[in-house]
Protein backbone atom coordinates (compact mmCIF):
# COMPACT_ATOMS: atom_id res chain seq x y z
CA MET A 1 0.00 0.00 0.00
CA LYS A 2 1.39 3.38 -1.07
CA GLN A 3 1.89 5.78 1.81
CA LYS A 4 0.46 9.25 1.18
CA ARG A 5 3.05 11.97 1.75
CA ILE A 6 2.16 15.36 3.27
CA SER A 7 2.78 18.10 0.69
CA ILE A 8 5.35 20.83 1.33
CA ALA A 9 2.54 23.43 1.53
CA TRP A 10 0.85 21.53 4.36
CA GLN A 11 4.19 20.94 6.11
CA ILE A 12 4.93 24.68 6.04
CA LEU A 13 1.39 25.55 7.18
CA ILE A 14 1.62 23.12 10.12
CA ALA A 15 5.06 24.53 10.97
CA LEU A 16 3.60 28.07 10.86
CA ILE A 17 0.79 27.16 13.30
CA LEU A 18 3.17 25.30 15.64
CA GLY A 19 5.59 28.25 15.50
CA ILE A 20 2.82 30.64 16.58
CA ILE A 21 1.82 28.32 19.47
CA VAL A 22 5.41 27.81 20.71
CA GLY A 23 6.18 31.52 20.29
CA SER A 24 3.09 32.47 22.33
CA ILE A 25 4.13 30.11 25.14
CA LEU A 26 7.69 31.46 25.16
CA HIS A 27 6.45 35.07 25.18
CA ASN A 28 4.90 34.39 28.58
CA GLN A 29 8.02 32.62 29.87
CA PRO A 30 10.68 35.38 30.00
CA GLU A 31 13.09 33.20 31.99
CA TYR A 32 13.43 30.81 29.03
CA GLN A 33 12.53 33.13 26.13
CA ASP A 34 15.82 34.91 25.61
CA TYR A 35 17.96 31.77 25.71
CA ILE A 36 15.74 29.68 23.39
CA VAL A 37 15.19 32.52 20.88
CA THR A 38 18.87 33.52 20.74
CA ASN A 39 20.48 30.08 20.83
CA ILE A 40 17.95 27.82 19.09
CA LEU A 41 15.21 29.56 17.10
CA LYS A 42 17.12 32.42 15.44
CA PRO A 43 20.06 30.20 14.32
CA ALA A 44 17.63 27.56 12.97
CA GLY A 45 15.75 30.23 11.00
CA GLN A 46 18.97 31.84 9.76
CA ILE A 47 20.19 28.46 8.44
CA PHE A 48 17.20 28.33 6.09
CA ILE A 49 17.66 31.93 4.87
CA SER A 50 21.39 31.23 4.29
CA LEU A 51 20.65 28.02 2.38
CA ILE A 52 18.33 29.93 0.04
CA LYS A 53 20.87 32.72 -0.49
CA MET A 54 23.44 30.03 -1.31
CA ILE A 55 21.44 28.73 -4.29
CA VAL A 56 19.94 31.94 -5.72
CA VAL A 57 23.02 33.35 -7.49
CA PRO A 58 24.10 30.16 -9.36
CA ILE A 59 20.49 29.57 -10.50
CA VAL A 60 20.03 33.12 -11.79
CA ILE A 61 23.38 33.13 -13.63
CA SER A 62 23.01 29.70 -15.24
CA THR A 63 19.34 30.01 -16.27
CA LEU A 64 19.74 33.56 -17.56
CA ILE A 65 22.83 32.78 -19.64
CA LEU A 66 21.10 29.70 -21.08
CA GLY A 67 17.97 31.68 -21.92
CA ILE A 68 19.79 34.65 -23.46
CA ALA A 69 22.10 32.42 -25.49
CA GLY A 70 18.98 30.64 -26.69
CA ILE A 71 17.43 33.91 -27.94
CA GLY A 72 20.64 35.28 -29.39
CA ASP A 73 18.86 38.30 -30.92
CA THR A 74 19.84 41.68 -29.40
CA LYS A 75 16.69 43.35 -30.80
CA LYS A 76 14.50 40.81 -28.99
CA LEU A 77 16.51 41.33 -25.80
CA GLY A 78 16.13 45.09 -26.06
CA SER A 79 12.39 44.70 -26.59
CA ILE A 80 12.04 42.42 -23.54
CA GLY A 81 14.12 44.78 -21.36
CA LEU A 82 12.19 47.92 -22.38
CA LYS A 83 8.76 46.31 -21.92
CA THR A 84 9.84 44.91 -18.54
CA ILE A 85 11.00 48.29 -17.19
CA ILE A 86 7.86 50.10 -18.47
CA TYR A 87 5.61 47.45 -16.92
CA PHE A 88 7.45 47.62 -13.58
CA GLU A 89 7.27 51.41 -13.41
CA VAL A 90 3.54 51.55 -14.23
CA ILE A 91 2.53 48.80 -11.78
CA THR A 92 4.76 50.15 -8.98
CA THR A 93 3.31 53.66 -9.41
CA VAL A 94 -0.24 52.26 -9.27
CA ALA A 95 0.69 50.40 -6.04
CA ILE A 96 1.96 53.63 -4.43
CA ILE A 97 -1.18 55.55 -5.46
CA VAL A 98 -3.50 52.76 -4.18
CA GLY A 99 -1.64 52.85 -0.85
CA LEU A 100 -1.93 56.65 -0.55
CA LEU A 101 -5.64 56.59 -1.42
CA ALA A 102 -6.31 53.80 1.11
CA ALA A 103 -4.46 55.67 3.88
CA ASN A 104 -6.19 58.99 3.12
CA ILE A 105 -9.67 57.48 2.90
CA PHE A 106 -9.55 55.17 5.95
CA GLN A 107 -7.21 57.25 8.19
CA PRO A 108 -5.53 54.35 10.10
CA GLY A 109 -3.40 56.73 12.20
CA ALA A 110 -6.19 59.07 13.25
CA GLY A 111 -7.19 58.85 16.91
CA VAL A 112 -4.46 56.35 17.90
CA ASP A 113 -3.22 56.90 21.46
CA MET A 114 0.59 56.99 21.12
CA SER A 115 1.01 56.21 24.82
CA MET A 116 -0.53 52.76 24.14
CA LEU A 117 2.05 51.95 21.47
CA HIS A 118 5.10 49.83 22.19
CA LYS A 119 8.35 51.39 20.97
CA VAL A 120 10.92 49.09 19.37
CA ASP A 121 14.64 49.78 18.98
CA ILE A 122 15.30 50.55 15.28
CA THR A 123 19.04 51.27 15.59
CA LYS A 124 20.04 48.37 13.33
CA PHE A 125 17.69 49.64 10.62
CA GLU A 126 19.09 53.17 10.96
CA ALA A 127 22.63 51.88 10.39
CA THR A 128 21.51 50.04 7.25
CA THR A 129 19.62 53.15 6.09
CA HIS A 130 22.70 55.33 6.51
CA GLU A 131 24.66 52.92 4.31
CA TYR A 132 21.77 52.86 1.80
CA GLN A 133 21.56 56.68 1.70
CA SER A 134 25.33 57.01 1.24
CA HIS A 135 24.82 55.71 -2.30
CA ALA A 136 23.34 58.19 -4.76
CA HIS A 137 19.94 57.32 -6.23
CA GLY A 138 18.38 58.32 -9.50
CA PHE A 139 18.20 57.09 -13.09
CA LEU A 140 21.86 57.59 -13.99
CA GLN A 141 23.04 56.20 -10.65
CA THR A 142 20.83 53.14 -11.14
CA ILE A 143 22.37 52.60 -14.61
CA LEU A 144 25.88 52.94 -13.16
CA GLY A 145 24.95 50.52 -10.39
CA LEU A 146 23.97 47.94 -13.00
CA ILE A 147 27.52 47.60 -14.32
CA PRO A 148 29.77 45.46 -12.13
CA THR A 149 33.41 46.51 -11.79
CA ASN A 150 34.16 43.04 -10.46
CA ILE A 151 31.62 40.30 -11.18
CA ILE A 152 33.15 37.95 -8.59
CA ASP A 153 32.68 40.65 -5.93
CA SER A 154 29.06 41.20 -7.07
CA MET A 155 28.42 37.45 -6.85
CA ALA A 156 29.97 37.33 -3.37
CA LYS A 157 27.70 40.18 -2.21
CA ALA A 158 24.65 38.73 -4.08
CA GLN A 159 24.11 42.05 -5.90
CA MET A 160 21.35 40.90 -8.23
CA LEU A 161 21.25 43.76 -10.76
CA PRO A 162 24.99 43.65 -11.67
CA ILE A 163 24.76 39.84 -11.85
CA ILE A 164 21.80 40.08 -14.26
CA PHE A 165 23.64 42.66 -16.40
CA PHE A 166 26.76 40.48 -16.64
CA SER A 167 24.73 37.34 -17.38
CA VAL A 168 22.83 39.09 -20.20
CA ILE A 169 26.05 40.42 -21.78
CA PHE A 170 27.76 37.04 -21.36
CA GLY A 171 24.75 35.27 -22.88
CA VAL A 172 24.75 37.59 -25.92
CA GLY A 173 28.48 37.04 -26.41
CA LEU A 174 28.09 33.28 -26.05
CA ALA A 175 25.21 33.23 -28.56
CA SER A 176 27.42 34.85 -31.22
CA LEU A 177 30.01 32.03 -31.10
CA PRO A 178 29.97 29.09 -33.56
CA HIS A 179 27.87 26.14 -32.45
CA GLU A 180 30.80 23.78 -31.86
CA THR A 181 32.55 26.39 -29.67
CA LYS A 182 29.62 27.43 -27.48
CA GLN A 183 27.86 24.05 -27.09
CA PRO A 184 30.24 22.57 -24.43
CA LEU A 185 29.80 25.68 -22.26
CA LEU A 186 26.03 25.65 -22.75
CA ASN A 187 26.05 22.02 -21.60
CA VAL A 188 27.96 23.08 -18.46
CA PHE A 189 25.48 25.87 -17.63
CA ASN A 190 22.57 23.52 -18.30
CA ALA A 191 24.09 20.97 -15.90
CA ILE A 192 24.59 23.72 -13.27
CA ALA A 193 20.97 24.90 -13.65
CA GLU A 194 19.51 21.39 -13.39
CA THR A 195 21.76 20.57 -10.43
CA MET A 196 20.79 23.75 -8.58
CA PHE A 197 17.07 23.02 -9.09
CA LYS A 198 17.71 19.59 -7.52
CA VAL A 199 19.55 21.33 -4.67
CA THR A 200 16.52 23.66 -4.29
CA HIS A 201 14.28 20.62 -3.73
CA MET A 202 16.76 19.36 -1.11
CA VAL A 203 16.81 22.74 0.67
CA MET A 204 13.00 22.82 0.70
CA LEU A 205 13.02 19.73 2.93
CA TYR A 206 14.36 22.03 5.66
CA ALA A 207 11.75 24.74 4.93
CA PRO A 208 9.21 23.65 7.63
CA ILE A 209 11.93 23.79 10.32
CA GLY A 210 13.06 27.22 9.07
CA VAL A 211 9.50 28.57 9.01
CA PHE A 212 8.77 27.19 12.50
CA ALA A 213 11.92 28.81 13.92
CA LEU A 214 11.40 32.20 12.24
CA ILE A 215 7.74 32.52 13.28
CA ALA A 216 8.32 31.23 16.82
CA ALA A 217 11.18 33.74 17.32
CA THR A 218 9.02 36.64 16.09
CA VAL A 219 5.96 35.78 18.22
CA ALA A 220 8.14 35.05 21.28
CA THR A 221 9.81 38.47 20.99
CA PHE A 222 6.80 40.67 20.24
CA GLY A 223 3.74 38.64 21.24
CA PHE A 224 0.27 39.69 20.12
CA SER A 225 -0.16 42.63 22.51
CA SER A 226 1.66 44.94 20.04
CA LEU A 227 -1.04 44.22 17.43
CA VAL A 228 -3.98 45.61 19.43
CA PRO A 229 -3.29 49.38 19.18
CA LEU A 230 -2.26 49.02 15.53
CA PHE A 231 -5.09 46.68 14.55
CA LYS A 232 -6.58 49.23 12.12
CA LEU A 233 -3.24 49.61 10.32
CA VAL A 234 -2.77 45.83 10.03
CA VAL A 235 -6.32 45.33 8.69
CA LEU A 236 -5.94 48.18 6.18
CA VAL A 237 -2.60 46.89 4.85
CA TYR A 238 -3.94 43.35 4.43
CA THR A 239 -7.17 44.61 2.78
CA ALA A 240 -5.24 46.89 0.40
CA ILE A 241 -2.91 44.02 -0.53
CA LEU A 242 -5.86 41.70 -1.26
CA PHE A 243 -7.51 44.49 -3.31
CA PHE A 244 -4.33 45.03 -5.32
CA ALA A 245 -3.80 41.29 -5.88
CA PHE A 246 -7.31 40.44 -7.04
CA ILE A 247 -8.55 43.71 -8.58
CA VAL A 248 -5.45 45.48 -9.98
CA LEU A 249 -3.27 42.47 -10.84
CA GLY A 250 -6.40 40.45 -11.65
CA SER A 251 -7.42 43.11 -14.22
CA VAL A 252 -3.91 43.10 -15.74
CA ALA A 253 -4.00 39.31 -15.96
CA LYS A 254 -7.48 39.30 -17.55
CA PHE A 255 -6.42 41.96 -20.08
CA CYS A 256 -3.53 39.69 -21.13
CA GLY A 257 -5.67 36.54 -21.31
CA LEU A 258 -4.50 35.12 -17.97
CA ASN A 259 -6.36 34.16 -14.79
CA ILE A 260 -5.01 35.52 -11.48
CA PHE A 261 -6.73 32.71 -9.53
CA ASN A 262 -4.90 30.07 -11.60
CA ILE A 263 -1.59 31.86 -10.99
CA ILE A 264 -2.22 32.02 -7.21
CA LYS A 265 -3.23 28.34 -7.23
CA LEU A 266 -0.04 27.53 -9.15
CA LEU A 267 2.08 29.38 -6.57
CA LYS A 268 0.26 28.31 -3.39
CA ASP A 269 3.30 26.46 -1.93
CA GLU A 270 5.60 29.40 -2.68
CA LEU A 271 3.12 31.95 -1.33
CA ILE A 272 2.82 30.09 1.99
CA LEU A 273 6.62 29.89 2.22
CA ALA A 274 7.17 33.56 1.29
CA PHE A 275 4.42 34.62 3.71
CA SER A 276 5.89 32.55 6.55
CA THR A 277 9.50 33.69 6.08
CA ALA A 278 8.71 37.29 5.00
CA SER A 279 11.38 36.88 2.31
CA SER A 280 10.61 36.67 -1.40
CA GLU A 281 14.18 35.51 -1.98
CA THR A 282 13.32 32.14 -0.42
CA VAL A 283 11.08 31.25 -3.37
CA LEU A 284 12.97 32.88 -6.27
CA PRO A 285 14.34 29.61 -7.74
CA ARG A 286 10.94 27.90 -7.56
CA ILE A 287 9.11 30.90 -9.07
CA ILE A 288 11.47 30.84 -12.08
CA GLN A 289 10.93 27.10 -12.43
CA LYS A 290 7.12 27.30 -12.10
CA THR A 291 6.58 30.23 -14.47
CA GLU A 292 8.71 28.41 -17.04
CA ALA A 293 6.60 25.29 -16.56
CA TYR A 294 3.48 27.48 -16.89
CA GLY A 295 4.40 28.65 -20.38
CA ALA A 296 6.95 31.47 -19.99
CA PRO A 297 10.22 30.96 -21.94
CA ARG A 298 13.27 30.37 -19.74
CA ALA A 299 14.97 33.55 -21.01
CA ILE A 300 12.04 35.76 -19.99
CA ALA A 301 11.34 34.03 -16.65
CA SER A 302 15.00 34.11 -15.57
CA PHE A 303 15.37 37.78 -16.61
CA VAL A 304 12.07 39.33 -15.49
CA ILE A 305 11.70 37.67 -12.06
CA PRO A 306 15.17 38.45 -10.58
CA THR A 307 14.96 41.99 -12.02
CA GLY A 308 11.50 42.36 -10.48
CA TYR A 309 12.98 41.55 -7.06
CA SER A 310 14.66 44.95 -7.22
CA PHE A 311 12.30 46.96 -9.45
CA ASN A 312 8.82 45.49 -9.02
CA LEU A 313 8.00 45.16 -5.32
CA ASP A 314 4.24 45.84 -5.49
CA GLY A 315 3.51 44.80 -1.91
CA SER A 316 6.45 46.75 -0.49
CA THR A 317 5.64 50.04 -2.25
CA LEU A 318 1.95 49.70 -1.37
CA TYR A 319 2.83 49.22 2.30
CA GLN A 320 5.40 52.04 2.30
CA SER A 321 2.86 54.60 1.08
CA ILE A 322 0.28 53.49 3.69
CA ALA A 323 2.89 53.46 6.49
CA ALA A 324 4.18 56.94 5.58
CA ILE A 325 0.69 58.48 5.76
CA PHE A 326 -0.07 56.47 8.94
CA ILE A 327 2.94 57.94 10.77
CA ALA A 328 2.02 61.44 9.57
CA GLN A 329 -1.52 60.94 10.93
CA LEU A 330 -0.03 59.59 14.19
CA TYR A 331 1.77 62.91 14.74
CA GLY A 332 -1.18 64.97 13.47
CA ILE A 333 0.70 66.08 10.32
CA ASP A 334 -1.65 66.94 7.46
CA LEU A 335 0.32 66.34 4.26
CA THR A 336 -0.60 68.53 1.30
CA ILE A 337 -1.22 67.15 -2.19
CA THR A 338 2.21 68.50 -3.22
CA GLN A 339 3.93 66.71 -0.32
CA GLN A 340 2.15 63.47 -1.19
CA LEU A 341 3.22 63.80 -4.84
CA ILE A 342 6.80 64.31 -3.63
CA LEU A 343 6.34 61.18 -1.50
CA VAL A 344 5.18 59.21 -4.58
CA LEU A 345 8.18 60.36 -6.63
CA THR A 346 10.60 59.68 -3.77
CA LEU A 347 9.24 56.17 -3.20
CA MET A 348 9.50 55.46 -6.94
CA VAL A 349 13.24 56.13 -6.69
CA THR A 350 14.11 54.79 -3.21
CA SER A 351 12.21 51.51 -3.68
CA LYS A 352 14.49 50.48 -6.56
CA GLY A 353 17.46 48.23 -6.01
CA VAL A 354 16.40 46.96 -2.57
CA ALA A 355 16.96 43.27 -1.80
CA GLY A 356 13.99 40.94 -1.29
CA VAL A 357 14.88 40.17 2.32
CA PRO A 358 13.09 40.75 5.66
CA GLY A 359 13.14 44.40 6.75
CA ALA A 360 14.01 45.89 3.34
CA SER A 361 10.80 47.98 3.21
CA PHE A 362 11.61 49.40 6.63
CA VAL A 363 14.95 50.66 5.35
CA VAL A 364 13.25 52.35 2.36
CA LEU A 365 10.77 54.06 4.69
CA LEU A 366 13.56 55.40 6.89
CA ALA A 367 15.26 56.77 3.78
CA THR A 368 12.03 58.40 2.55
CA LEU A 369 10.08 59.91 5.45
CA GLY A 370 12.44 62.80 6.15
CA VAL A 371 11.88 64.18 2.62
CA VAL A 372 8.34 65.33 3.50
CA GLY A 373 9.03 66.17 7.14
CA ILE A 374 7.57 63.03 8.78
CA PRO A 375 9.40 62.16 12.06
CA LEU A 376 11.54 59.04 11.64
CA GLU A 377 10.89 58.14 15.29
CA GLY A 378 7.37 57.15 14.23
CA LEU A 379 8.73 53.99 12.66
CA ALA A 380 9.71 52.73 16.12
CA PHE A 381 5.97 52.49 16.91
CA ILE A 382 5.19 50.17 13.99
CA ALA A 383 8.40 48.10 14.11
CA GLY A 384 6.70 45.61 16.42
CA VAL A 385 4.09 44.71 13.79
CA ASP A 386 6.39 45.15 10.81
CA ARG A 387 7.02 41.41 10.58
CA ILE A 388 3.24 40.73 10.39
CA LEU A 389 2.91 43.35 7.64
CA ASP A 390 6.07 42.14 5.91
CA MET A 391 4.58 38.67 5.47
CA ALA A 392 1.60 39.98 3.48
CA ARG A 393 3.56 42.41 1.31
CA THR A 394 6.11 39.69 0.51
CA ALA A 395 3.37 37.37 -0.75
CA LEU A 396 2.10 40.17 -3.03
CA ASN A 397 5.65 40.77 -4.32
CA VAL A 398 5.82 37.10 -5.35
CA VAL A 399 2.47 37.19 -7.19
CA GLY A 400 3.40 40.46 -8.90
CA ASN A 401 6.72 39.18 -10.22
CA ALA A 402 5.34 35.85 -11.40
CA LEU A 403 2.55 37.69 -13.26
CA ALA A 404 5.11 40.09 -14.77
CA ALA A 405 7.04 37.19 -16.35
CA LEU A 406 3.84 35.79 -17.84
CA VAL A 407 2.64 39.21 -19.08
CA ILE A 408 5.96 39.96 -20.80
CA SER A 409 5.84 36.47 -22.38
CA LYS A 410 2.36 37.32 -23.72
CA TRP A 411 3.53 40.68 -25.08
CA GLN A 412 6.47 38.98 -26.82
CA LYS A 413 4.07 36.35 -28.25
CA GLN A 414 6.24 33.63 -26.70
CA TYR A 415 3.75 32.34 -24.12
CA ASP A 416 3.03 28.62 -24.50
CA ALA A 417 -0.65 28.23 -23.53
CA GLU A 418 -0.66 24.49 -24.28
CA LYS A 419 2.33 23.92 -21.99
CA ALA A 420 0.56 25.90 -19.23
CA GLU A 421 -2.63 23.86 -19.59
CA ASN A 422 -0.74 20.56 -19.52
CA TYR A 423 1.19 21.66 -16.44
CA MET A 424 -2.00 22.57 -14.54
CA LEU A 425 -3.51 19.19 -15.49
CA SER A 426 -0.40 17.41 -14.21
CA LEU A 427 -0.71 19.22 -10.87
CA LYS A 428 -4.32 18.03 -10.51
CA GLN A 429 -3.21 14.42 -10.97
CA VAL A 430 -0.56 14.62 -8.22
């Protein structure tokens, strides 16, 4: 008799629930909390994040070079790149505007008693922000940041944009070589890609333990008491994210002949994992693999998705605009239309080039608020619930980037609808 195996999605969900339970117990046991969180839970969670970071760079390089070398046409590449950037800018701007409208209409910060709020130390975020702000931002600076002076150094630091730039250039150069010269190297990159996807499956076996540890550590540290005064903010962020996912992205999908519900169903395992870990980076390899299986060409999937991790963070920008207005309302600051427009433009710039890791949105907010005169200290009041908010915005980032790869494939007339249909049928049979 064949034993039925629990799927990875269910394993992660069970781990999430157990993590919440254990974290709640530890939160009320201060004599054990610090030791267990510091010496057991945080290291166990960090192991999973480190394992994911270990596999991301080789997968992106190998799949992207293979895909680009397969296209071999610089005009096609230019077309894909231009359409990708335009799409990212439009969708990101819509996300910021939706966030501002939601915050202005529902006023989550109005009437909140600041004395009831728990302040969290944000020193570590301020240090990261200072480093982030020390680099110039803007169009030309972004272009300059794309070009690696040392690709080995960029790989060591996991700087995704320079890695993508190098891989594209390398792929174009490789494509121009005679078949007998380039084929051995293509075989090597293909072997690396296939091996790393196998390694990804191996790493995912540890995912439930990683999720359990990360959630338990968060709940043990902050508990649920920090949620009560900020309940309105949490509800608004989650509602706005659901609205954006199903209405905005759903409309984009429908316009392009896709179904957002099918895409979410396709990515359910990855969404649970991204939600639990609050890191979109944890699912990057699997998102590339699944969008390719769902009909997107490898070249487009491996280019659009990693690029989107820096340029197309729908959930993050949506949250940042809500959080900025929330803090202004907290201090009784009435932002003018001009100030809010400045905020939109600033977020459009500062949100680019940020890694898909926990806390990245917090850093962007710290770098942005001062521009329109919002006190940075206000972020210390929402830091306690940031992890809860981060989980939702990360899940939206994943959906947004997966959809982007499929949309660009449609625009390039390279989407394989038959392959997508067959893949969905195969999932039903599992």
